[in-house]
Amino acid sequence: MWRQPKAVWAVAFACVIAFMGIGLVDPILKPIADQLNASPSQVSLLFTSYMAVMGVAMLITGAVSSRIGAKKTLLSGLFIIIIGSAAAGSMNSVMSIVDWRALWGLGNALFIATALAAIVQSAKGSVKEAIILYEAALGVGIASGPLIGGLLGSISWRGPFYGVAALMAIALIVTVFLLPSTPPAGKPTPLSAPFKALTHKALFAVAITALLYNFGFFTLLAFTPFPLGLDAIRTGFVFFGWGLLLAISSVFVAPILQRKFGTMPSVMGALTGFAIILAVMGLYTEHKPVLIVGVVISGFFLGINNTLVTETVMKAAPVERSTASAAYSFVRFGGGAVAPWLAGKLGEDVSVHLPFWVGAGAVLLGVLVLVVGRGLFHHIDEEPDHGAERVGTLQEAELVSVADES
C-alpha cells in the first residue's frame, strides 16, 4: 500500500493540507469570539458556512470534473481555497470571515470529491488499500490541523488562515508538476446523477446515518472549545491527540475489526462508542479533564467509522464511485452545517450540557437507521476480503477516473 507512484503522494499531500482546514480553526474559535466580540453561535458559523457550501457544491463536482478533467478540478479547488483562506485572515468581523470561509468550502468540495477518485485511479493495489491511504491522509490532516492552528493561533488568530493559504500554494505547485494531465470524460456526468444515486436505498441509508453522526462530530469539533476554556495552543494539542488517534484507528484498527466482525457491526459499534463518549461529556461538562479525555478517545471511534463508511459508500449502490461519493457527501454535510450553529445556540440559551446530549442522541439515531436497514448491506461483506478488488482489475464502468472513462 505504501509503494505508490509520485502522483498518488502528490494528491495525498494535498489531501493532508485540505483536511487541515476542518480542525484548523478549532483552537482559535474562542480567541476570535473574545477579540471580535462574538457569541459561540456566531463563531460556529465558520463551520456552518464552510460545510453548507461544501455540501451543495458536492452536487456539481462530478459534472465539473467530467467536463474539464480531474487535474484541472483539483487545481481549481486548491486555488479557491488559497483565495478563501487568505481573505478570511484579512477580515475584521466574524460575518466577513464566515463569508470567505464559505468560498473555502467551495474549493474544498471541488478538491476532496476529486481527490479520492484520483487516488483510487492512480494507486497500486486494491480499492480498499487506496481508500485506507486516503483516510490516512485525512487523519494526518485532521490531526495536524488543530496543532498548527494552535501554534499559529497563539501568535494571532489570523495566523492559521494565512498558514493554510501558504501550505495550499505548496500543494498546488506539487500537484501541477507530479499529477499527470487528465482529459475530460467522453460522456459528461449530468447534474442529476447524485440525486438519482440517492434513490438506491443502501446509499440513502448510509448517507442519513452520516448526517446524524455528523451532528455529534461537529458538536464535538465546534462547541467543545468553549466549555473547555483553554488557550489556542493547549486546545490545539487536545485536538491533535484526537486527530492522531483518529488516524491510527482509521488505518490500522478499522481493517482488523472489519475482518473479525464485518463492516456494519464494526460501524454500529464505533458509533455507539462515540455516542457514549458524548453522553459522558454532556454529564460532566464542567470537568475539563473529562472533556479532554472524551475528545481524545472519540478519535478512536471516529477513525473506525470514517474508513468503513467510506468503503461502504463506494459499494452501496451500482453507480460510479465519484457519483456515489458526491451524493453521500451532499447529505452528510447537511448535518455538519447545522450542528455547529445549533450546538452554540443550545449552549448559550439553554444549557452548556445540552449540545452534547443532542449530539449523542443524533448519533444513536444513526445507529438505529443502520439496524433497521441492515438487510440493505449484506452485499458489502460478500466478496473475498470484503471486496478489496485490485485497482487494475476493475470494470471500466466502475472506475472513478474520468481519464479512464475517456
Protein backbone atom coordinates (compact mmCIF):
# COMPACT_ATOMS: atom_id res chain seq x y z
CA MET A 1 0.00 0.00 0.00
CA TRP A 2 2.86 2.39 0.76
CA ARG A 3 4.75 1.85 -2.54
CA GLN A 4 2.83 4.30 -4.67
CA PRO A 5 3.56 6.45 -7.74
CA LYS A 6 4.52 10.09 -7.24
CA ALA A 7 1.09 11.19 -8.46
CA VAL A 8 -0.60 9.41 -5.54
CA TRP A 9 1.71 11.02 -3.00
CA ALA A 10 1.15 14.43 -4.60
CA VAL A 11 -2.62 14.14 -4.19
CA ALA A 12 -2.25 12.61 -0.71
CA PHE A 13 -0.08 15.55 0.38
CA ALA A 14 -2.65 18.00 -0.93
CA CYS A 15 -5.34 16.00 0.94
CA VAL A 16 -3.42 16.42 4.19
CA ILE A 17 -3.39 20.20 3.71
CA ALA A 18 -7.06 20.29 2.65
CA PHE A 19 -8.21 18.31 5.68
CA MET A 20 -6.21 20.57 7.96
CA GLY A 21 -8.87 23.16 7.22
CA ILE A 22 -11.52 21.20 9.12
CA GLY A 23 -9.81 21.35 12.50
CA LEU A 24 -7.53 24.31 11.94
CA VAL A 25 -10.00 26.87 13.30
CA ASP A 26 -10.78 24.86 16.46
CA PRO A 27 -8.08 26.42 18.64
CA ILE A 28 -8.94 29.96 17.52
CA LEU A 29 -12.72 29.83 17.94
CA LYS A 30 -12.59 31.27 21.45
CA PRO A 31 -9.88 33.87 20.63
CA ILE A 32 -11.93 35.05 17.64
CA ALA A 33 -15.04 35.29 19.83
CA ASP A 34 -13.15 37.24 22.50
CA GLN A 35 -11.34 39.64 20.17
CA LEU A 36 -14.22 40.30 17.77
CA ASN A 37 -16.94 40.39 20.46
CA ALA A 38 -18.87 37.44 19.01
CA SER A 39 -21.01 34.74 20.62
CA PRO A 40 -20.26 30.99 20.34
CA SER A 41 -23.12 30.52 17.87
CA GLN A 42 -21.80 33.35 15.66
CA VAL A 43 -18.27 31.95 15.65
CA SER A 44 -19.64 28.46 14.97
CA LEU A 45 -20.92 29.81 11.65
CA LEU A 46 -17.31 29.41 10.49
CA PHE A 47 -18.13 25.71 10.35
CA THR A 48 -21.72 26.14 9.15
CA SER A 49 -20.94 28.25 6.07
CA TYR A 50 -17.98 26.04 5.19
CA MET A 51 -19.93 22.78 5.46
CA ALA A 52 -23.16 24.07 3.86
CA VAL A 53 -21.42 25.36 0.75
CA MET A 54 -19.25 22.26 0.55
CA GLY A 55 -22.32 20.00 0.75
CA VAL A 56 -24.23 21.80 -2.01
CA ALA A 57 -21.12 22.10 -4.17
CA MET A 58 -20.67 18.32 -4.00
CA LEU A 59 -23.63 18.07 -6.38
CA ILE A 60 -21.67 19.73 -9.18
CA THR A 61 -18.24 18.21 -8.65
CA GLY A 62 -18.92 15.24 -10.94
CA ALA A 63 -20.29 17.46 -13.69
CA VAL A 64 -17.29 19.81 -13.44
CA SER A 65 -14.68 17.05 -13.30
CA SER A 66 -16.15 15.16 -16.24
CA ARG A 67 -16.03 18.32 -18.37
CA ILE A 68 -12.60 19.78 -17.53
CA GLY A 69 -10.74 16.71 -16.21
CA ALA A 70 -9.72 15.61 -12.73
CA LYS A 71 -6.42 17.52 -12.58
CA LYS A 72 -7.95 20.88 -13.54
CA THR A 73 -10.73 20.30 -11.00
CA LEU A 74 -8.19 19.59 -8.26
CA LEU A 75 -6.16 22.68 -9.15
CA SER A 76 -9.31 24.85 -9.27
CA GLY A 77 -10.26 23.67 -5.80
CA LEU A 78 -6.80 24.37 -4.41
CA PHE A 79 -6.72 27.86 -5.94
CA ILE A 80 -10.14 28.74 -4.48
CA ILE A 81 -9.03 27.53 -1.03
CA ILE A 82 -5.96 29.77 -1.21
CA ILE A 83 -8.11 32.81 -2.02
CA GLY A 84 -10.75 31.99 0.63
CA SER A 85 -8.34 31.29 3.48
CA ALA A 86 -6.08 34.30 2.78
CA ALA A 87 -9.08 36.64 2.51
CA ALA A 88 -10.64 35.25 5.73
CA GLY A 89 -7.46 36.03 7.62
CA SER A 90 -7.63 39.65 6.45
CA MET A 91 -11.16 40.37 7.73
CA ASN A 92 -12.11 42.36 10.85
CA SER A 93 -15.60 40.98 11.53
CA VAL A 94 -16.92 37.50 12.21
CA MET A 95 -19.50 37.62 9.41
CA SER A 96 -16.88 38.64 6.86
CA ILE A 97 -14.75 35.67 7.91
CA VAL A 98 -17.85 33.46 7.64
CA ASP A 99 -18.39 34.64 4.04
CA TRP A 100 -14.83 33.85 2.94
CA ARG A 101 -14.94 30.57 4.82
CA ALA A 102 -17.90 29.66 2.58
CA LEU A 103 -15.74 30.21 -0.52
CA TRP A 104 -13.15 27.99 1.16
CA GLY A 105 -15.86 25.30 1.38
CA LEU A 106 -16.47 25.52 -2.39
CA GLY A 107 -12.78 24.94 -3.06
CA ASN A 108 -12.68 22.03 -0.63
CA ALA A 109 -15.67 20.38 -2.35
CA LEU A 110 -14.00 20.53 -5.77
CA PHE A 111 -10.80 19.16 -4.33
CA ILE A 112 -12.00 16.47 -1.91
CA ALA A 113 -14.57 14.87 -4.22
CA THR A 114 -11.97 14.54 -6.98
CA ALA A 115 -9.02 13.61 -4.75
CA LEU A 116 -10.45 10.25 -3.71
CA ALA A 117 -11.14 9.41 -7.36
CA ALA A 118 -7.60 10.42 -8.35
CA ILE A 119 -6.02 8.31 -5.60
CA VAL A 120 -8.11 5.24 -6.40
CA GLN A 121 -7.24 5.53 -10.10
CA SER A 122 -3.51 6.17 -9.68
CA ALA A 123 -2.81 3.88 -6.71
CA LYS A 124 -1.20 0.46 -6.87
CA GLY A 125 -3.03 -2.32 -5.06
CA SER A 126 -6.72 -2.64 -4.24
CA VAL A 127 -9.53 -0.11 -3.93
CA LYS A 128 -9.66 -0.93 -0.22
CA GLU A 129 -5.96 -0.08 0.17
CA ALA A 130 -6.41 3.14 -1.81
CA ILE A 131 -9.26 4.18 0.49
CA ILE A 132 -7.12 3.44 3.57
CA LEU A 133 -4.36 5.60 2.07
CA TYR A 134 -6.90 8.39 1.52
CA GLU A 135 -8.15 8.01 5.10
CA ALA A 136 -4.55 8.12 6.33
CA ALA A 137 -4.11 11.48 4.59
CA LEU A 138 -7.41 12.61 6.10
CA GLY A 139 -6.29 11.52 9.55
CA VAL A 140 -2.91 13.23 9.34
CA GLY A 141 -4.58 16.42 8.08
CA ILE A 142 -7.24 16.42 10.78
CA ALA A 143 -4.61 15.64 13.44
CA SER A 144 -2.13 18.29 12.37
CA GLY A 145 -4.78 20.97 11.68
CA PRO A 146 -5.54 21.77 15.34
CA LEU A 147 -1.85 21.60 16.26
CA ILE A 148 -0.81 24.04 13.53
CA GLY A 149 -3.89 26.15 14.28
CA GLY A 150 -2.90 26.27 17.95
CA LEU A 151 0.73 27.15 17.25
CA LEU A 152 -0.10 29.88 14.73
CA GLY A 153 -3.15 30.96 16.72
CA SER A 154 -1.00 31.60 19.79
CA ILE A 155 0.63 34.37 17.74
CA SER A 156 -2.57 35.72 16.18
CA TRP A 157 -5.98 34.32 15.30
CA ARG A 158 -5.19 35.35 11.71
CA GLY A 159 -2.14 33.08 11.59
CA PRO A 160 -3.95 29.78 10.82
CA PHE A 161 -5.77 31.31 7.85
CA TYR A 162 -2.56 32.61 6.31
CA GLY A 163 -0.86 29.31 7.13
CA VAL A 164 -3.43 27.35 5.12
CA ALA A 165 -3.03 29.71 2.17
CA ALA A 166 0.75 29.17 2.17
CA LEU A 167 0.52 25.38 2.54
CA MET A 168 -2.14 25.15 -0.16
CA ALA A 169 0.10 27.11 -2.51
CA ILE A 170 2.78 24.45 -1.98
CA ALA A 171 0.19 21.69 -2.58
CA LEU A 172 -0.91 23.39 -5.79
CA ILE A 173 2.66 23.53 -7.11
CA VAL A 174 3.27 19.87 -6.21
CA THR A 175 0.04 18.82 -7.93
CA VAL A 176 0.86 20.80 -11.08
CA PHE A 177 4.18 19.01 -11.58
CA LEU A 178 3.53 15.49 -10.24
CA LEU A 179 -0.04 14.66 -11.23
CA PRO A 180 -0.38 13.67 -14.91
CA SER A 181 -2.87 15.53 -17.09
CA THR A 182 -6.36 14.01 -17.23
CA PRO A 183 -8.62 14.78 -20.19
CA PRO A 184 -12.37 15.32 -19.82
CA ALA A 185 -14.63 12.28 -19.82
CA GLY A 186 -16.07 11.04 -23.08
CA LYS A 187 -19.54 11.33 -21.59
CA PRO A 188 -20.10 14.27 -19.18
CA THR A 189 -21.78 13.46 -15.86
CA PRO A 190 -25.27 15.02 -15.67
CA LEU A 191 -26.14 17.28 -12.73
CA SER A 192 -28.99 14.92 -11.83
CA ALA A 193 -26.65 11.95 -11.26
CA PRO A 194 -26.20 12.41 -7.46
CA PHE A 195 -29.97 12.71 -6.93
CA LYS A 196 -30.57 9.53 -8.92
CA ALA A 197 -27.89 7.77 -6.89
CA LEU A 198 -29.78 8.57 -3.68
CA THR A 199 -32.77 6.57 -4.94
CA HIS A 200 -30.74 3.47 -4.07
CA LYS A 201 -31.86 2.59 -0.56
CA ALA A 202 -28.48 1.39 0.71
CA LEU A 203 -26.70 4.60 -0.31
CA PHE A 204 -29.51 6.76 1.08
CA ALA A 205 -29.47 4.89 4.40
CA VAL A 206 -25.73 5.27 4.89
CA ALA A 207 -25.96 8.97 3.90
CA ILE A 208 -28.67 9.59 6.52
CA THR A 209 -26.57 7.77 9.11
CA ALA A 210 -23.61 10.01 8.22
CA LEU A 211 -25.78 13.13 8.50
CA LEU A 212 -26.85 12.10 12.01
CA TYR A 213 -23.36 11.13 13.16
CA ASN A 214 -22.04 14.45 11.82
CA PHE A 215 -24.30 16.17 14.36
CA GLY A 216 -22.19 14.57 17.05
CA PHE A 217 -18.91 15.00 15.18
CA PHE A 218 -19.28 18.74 14.62
CA THR A 219 -20.77 19.35 18.05
CA LEU A 220 -17.53 17.92 19.41
CA LEU A 221 -15.42 19.93 16.96
CA ALA A 222 -17.18 23.32 17.06
CA PHE A 223 -18.61 23.55 20.59
CA THR A 224 -16.14 21.78 22.90
CA PRO A 225 -13.51 24.59 22.78
CA PHE A 226 -15.94 26.91 24.62
CA PRO A 227 -16.61 24.85 27.79
CA LEU A 228 -13.01 23.62 27.60
CA GLY A 229 -11.82 27.22 28.02
CA LEU A 230 -8.15 26.63 27.15
CA ASP A 231 -5.87 28.94 25.20
CA ALA A 232 -5.21 28.34 21.50
CA ILE A 233 -2.07 26.23 21.79
CA ARG A 234 -3.42 23.93 24.54
CA THR A 235 -6.69 23.47 22.65
CA GLY A 236 -4.61 22.60 19.60
CA PHE A 237 -2.74 19.89 21.49
CA VAL A 238 -6.01 18.37 22.78
CA PHE A 239 -7.43 18.10 19.28
CA PHE A 240 -4.07 16.93 17.95
CA GLY A 241 -4.40 13.93 20.27
CA TRP A 242 -7.92 13.39 18.94
CA GLY A 243 -6.77 13.53 15.32
CA LEU A 244 -3.75 11.31 15.97
CA LEU A 245 -5.94 8.58 17.45
CA LEU A 246 -8.36 9.03 14.55
CA ALA A 247 -5.55 8.48 12.05
CA ILE A 248 -4.23 5.38 13.84
CA SER A 249 -7.64 3.71 14.18
CA SER A 250 -8.68 4.52 10.60
CA VAL A 251 -5.56 2.93 9.08
CA PHE A 252 -4.77 0.05 11.45
CA VAL A 253 -7.78 -0.75 13.65
CA ALA A 254 -10.66 -0.47 11.16
CA PRO A 255 -9.40 -3.24 8.80
CA ILE A 256 -8.85 -5.61 11.75
CA LEU A 257 -12.37 -5.07 13.11
CA GLN A 258 -13.83 -5.42 9.62
CA ARG A 259 -12.18 -8.80 9.09
CA LYS A 260 -13.19 -10.04 12.54
CA PHE A 261 -16.75 -8.72 12.88
CA GLY A 262 -17.84 -7.45 9.46
CA THR A 263 -18.38 -3.91 8.19
CA MET A 264 -21.79 -2.99 9.59
CA PRO A 265 -21.31 -4.47 13.10
CA SER A 266 -18.00 -2.58 13.33
CA VAL A 267 -19.61 0.71 12.20
CA MET A 268 -22.52 0.31 14.64
CA GLY A 269 -20.11 -0.49 17.47
CA ALA A 270 -17.95 2.55 16.70
CA LEU A 271 -20.95 4.88 16.54
CA THR A 272 -22.34 3.51 19.81
CA GLY A 273 -18.98 4.09 21.48
CA PHE A 274 -18.90 7.67 20.16
CA ALA A 275 -22.45 8.32 21.43
CA ILE A 276 -21.45 7.10 24.91
CA ILE A 277 -18.44 9.46 24.91
CA LEU A 278 -20.68 12.43 24.01
CA ALA A 279 -23.17 11.48 26.72
CA VAL A 280 -20.40 11.36 29.35
CA MET A 281 -19.13 14.75 28.16
CA GLY A 282 -22.68 16.09 28.50
CA LEU A 283 -22.90 14.76 32.04
CA TYR A 284 -19.54 16.18 33.17
CA THR A 285 -19.25 19.31 31.02
CA GLU A 286 -17.83 21.39 33.89
CA HIS A 287 -14.92 18.99 34.37
CA LYS A 288 -12.11 19.85 31.95
CA PRO A 289 -10.22 16.54 32.37
CA VAL A 290 -13.37 14.65 31.32
CA LEU A 291 -13.77 16.85 28.24
CA ILE A 292 -10.11 16.43 27.28
CA VAL A 293 -10.16 12.64 27.66
CA GLY A 294 -13.54 12.47 25.87
CA VAL A 295 -12.26 14.46 22.89
CA VAL A 296 -9.13 12.31 22.50
CA ILE A 297 -10.86 8.93 22.92
CA SER A 298 -13.63 9.90 20.49
CA GLY A 299 -10.96 10.00 17.77
CA PHE A 300 -10.57 6.22 18.11
CA PHE A 301 -14.23 5.58 17.30
CA LEU A 302 -14.42 8.23 14.57
CA GLY A 303 -11.41 6.81 12.74
CA ILE A 304 -13.01 3.36 12.54
CA ASN A 305 -16.27 4.85 11.34
CA ASN A 306 -14.67 7.08 8.70
CA THR A 307 -12.78 4.28 6.95
CA LEU A 308 -15.57 1.71 6.97
CA VAL A 309 -18.33 4.13 5.99
CA THR A 310 -16.25 5.49 3.10
CA GLU A 311 -15.73 1.95 1.83
CA THR A 312 -19.43 1.19 2.27
CA VAL A 313 -20.37 4.23 0.19
CA MET A 314 -18.10 3.02 -2.61
CA LYS A 315 -20.01 -0.27 -2.76
CA ALA A 316 -23.52 0.66 -1.58
CA ALA A 317 -25.07 1.38 -4.99
CA PRO A 318 -24.43 0.30 -8.61
CA VAL A 319 -23.27 3.78 -9.69
CA GLU A 320 -19.89 5.31 -10.41
CA ARG A 321 -17.89 5.82 -7.24
CA SER A 322 -17.45 9.54 -7.83
CA THR A 323 -21.24 9.95 -8.14
CA ALA A 324 -21.87 7.88 -5.01
CA SER A 325 -19.32 9.97 -3.09
CA ALA A 326 -20.90 13.25 -4.24
CA ALA A 327 -24.44 12.15 -3.33
CA TYR A 328 -23.36 10.85 0.08
CA SER A 329 -21.32 13.97 0.86
CA PHE A 330 -24.21 16.27 -0.07
CA VAL A 331 -26.44 14.64 2.55
CA ARG A 332 -23.89 14.16 5.32
CA PHE A 333 -22.52 17.70 5.19
CA GLY A 334 -26.07 18.87 5.94
CA GLY A 335 -25.53 17.54 9.45
CA GLY A 336 -22.14 19.19 9.57
CA ALA A 337 -23.66 22.54 8.58
CA VAL A 338 -26.49 22.63 11.12
CA ALA A 339 -24.76 21.09 14.15
CA PRO A 340 -22.17 23.82 14.96
CA TRP A 341 -24.73 26.65 14.98
CA LEU A 342 -27.34 24.58 16.84
CA ALA A 343 -24.79 23.49 19.46
CA GLY A 344 -23.77 27.11 20.02
CA LYS A 345 -27.36 28.30 20.41
CA LEU A 346 -28.29 25.47 22.78
CA GLY A 347 -25.18 26.12 24.85
CA GLU A 348 -25.89 29.87 25.03
CA ASP A 349 -29.64 29.87 25.56
CA VAL A 350 -30.45 26.60 27.33
CA SER A 351 -27.62 24.67 28.94
CA VAL A 352 -23.93 24.03 28.33
CA HIS A 353 -24.68 20.30 28.74
CA LEU A 354 -27.43 20.08 26.12
CA PRO A 355 -25.33 20.22 22.90
CA PHE A 356 -23.51 17.02 23.89
CA TRP A 357 -26.78 15.26 24.75
CA VAL A 358 -28.30 16.26 21.42
CA GLY A 359 -25.16 15.08 19.62
CA ALA A 360 -25.27 11.72 21.43
CA GLY A 361 -28.96 11.29 20.59
CA ALA A 362 -28.37 12.05 16.90
CA VAL A 363 -25.52 9.51 16.70
CA LEU A 364 -27.72 6.83 18.30
CA LEU A 365 -30.43 7.61 15.74
CA GLY A 366 -27.80 6.95 13.08
CA VAL A 367 -27.16 3.53 14.62
CA LEU A 368 -30.92 2.87 14.58
CA VAL A 369 -31.05 3.65 10.84
CA LEU A 370 -28.37 1.01 10.22
CA VAL A 371 -30.14 -1.53 12.42
CA VAL A 372 -33.46 -1.03 10.61
CA GLY A 373 -31.80 -1.12 7.18
CA ARG A 374 -29.24 -3.84 7.92
CA GLY A 375 -30.71 -6.05 5.17
CA LEU A 376 -29.57 -3.48 2.59
CA PHE A 377 -25.90 -4.05 3.39
CA HIS A 378 -25.49 -7.82 3.17
CA HIS A 379 -23.55 -7.48 -0.09
CA ILE A 380 -20.87 -5.27 1.47
CA ASP A 381 -19.02 -8.24 3.00
CA GLU A 382 -19.98 -10.93 0.49
CA GLU A 383 -16.88 -10.57 -1.71
CA PRO A 384 -13.49 -12.04 -0.67
CA ASP A 385 -11.54 -9.79 1.69
CA HIS A 386 -14.60 -7.54 1.94
CA GLY A 387 -14.46 -6.58 -1.71
CA ALA A 388 -10.85 -5.48 -1.78
CA GLU A 389 -10.58 -5.90 -5.56
CA ARG A 390 -7.38 -4.91 -7.30
CA VAL A 391 -7.47 -1.49 -8.88
CA GLY A 392 -6.16 -2.84 -12.16
CA THR A 393 -8.99 -5.40 -12.49
CA LEU A 394 -11.92 -3.03 -12.03
CA GLN A 395 -14.55 -2.85 -14.73
CA GLU A 396 -14.19 0.32 -16.83
CA ALA A 397 -17.69 1.42 -15.86
CA GLU A 398 -16.68 1.27 -12.20
CA LEU A 399 -13.60 3.44 -12.50
CA VAL A 400 -13.78 6.78 -10.80
CA SER A 401 -11.19 8.37 -13.03
CA VAL A 402 -12.58 10.44 -15.84
CA ALA A 403 -9.34 9.80 -17.72
CA ASP A 404 -10.04 6.08 -17.99
CA GLU A 405 -13.67 6.73 -18.89
CA SER A 406 -12.49 8.58 -21.98
